Amino acid sequence: MRELIVTTFLSADGVMDSPGGASGFPHAGWTYKDVDFDPAAYELKGREQEEAGALLMGRVSYEEFSPVWPSMTEEFARYNAMPRYVVSTTLEGDAAPWGEDHVTVLRNLDEVAALKDEDGGPISLHGSATLAQGLAAAGLVDRYHLLVFPVLLGSGRRLFGDGPKQRLAVEESEVYGNGVAKLVYRVVK
């Protein structure tokens, strides 16, 4: 069985909305506008890409990533080469464009559970607050990889909503010179 890892940037008050600058959110780009860059804080992101066997995202994150990530051949080489999946009830067809390639469209959490049952490396879920909350409620999340930034945003989509109580075990933690905290949690099942 494959692990499903939710990986995201969070503000200290749990907001994950538009860390890289997507439009429509008043604080878009908060990871680079409000906190000094420290390359050491991003080591986890490189490791995730090397270990992942598949990339998973919700429709909103897919629509934000698909015009950008395929052209980022150095930064996202492995993600652009591995199987990619988007969970959506609104996209038409079984596949959606990803540069000159495609992503496979999954229609529900049962299809995500079936993907987890296949052989392969971890499934890495980026962004996708609504999907992450649904996966947590369904008991499908195995780990959280969080980079928590020392900023309070006050509003925006949050990673943890009104879901079930879950116990987490710390696997890794570190605080970097710019105040970003790495927290890697395993979901205790």
Foldseek 3Di string as FASTA:
>chain_A
DEAEEEEAEAEPVFAGPQCCADPDDPCHVCVPPPFPDDVVLCPVVVVCLVQDQEEEEEPVVCVVCQVPVCVPCPVRVSHNPHAYEYEDQPDDDQWADRPPRTHGYHDDVVVVVVVRVDDTTHYYYYDHQVVLQVCVQVVRHFKYWYWYAHDDDPDHRGNHDPHDDWDWDWPDWDADPRGIITTMTGTDD
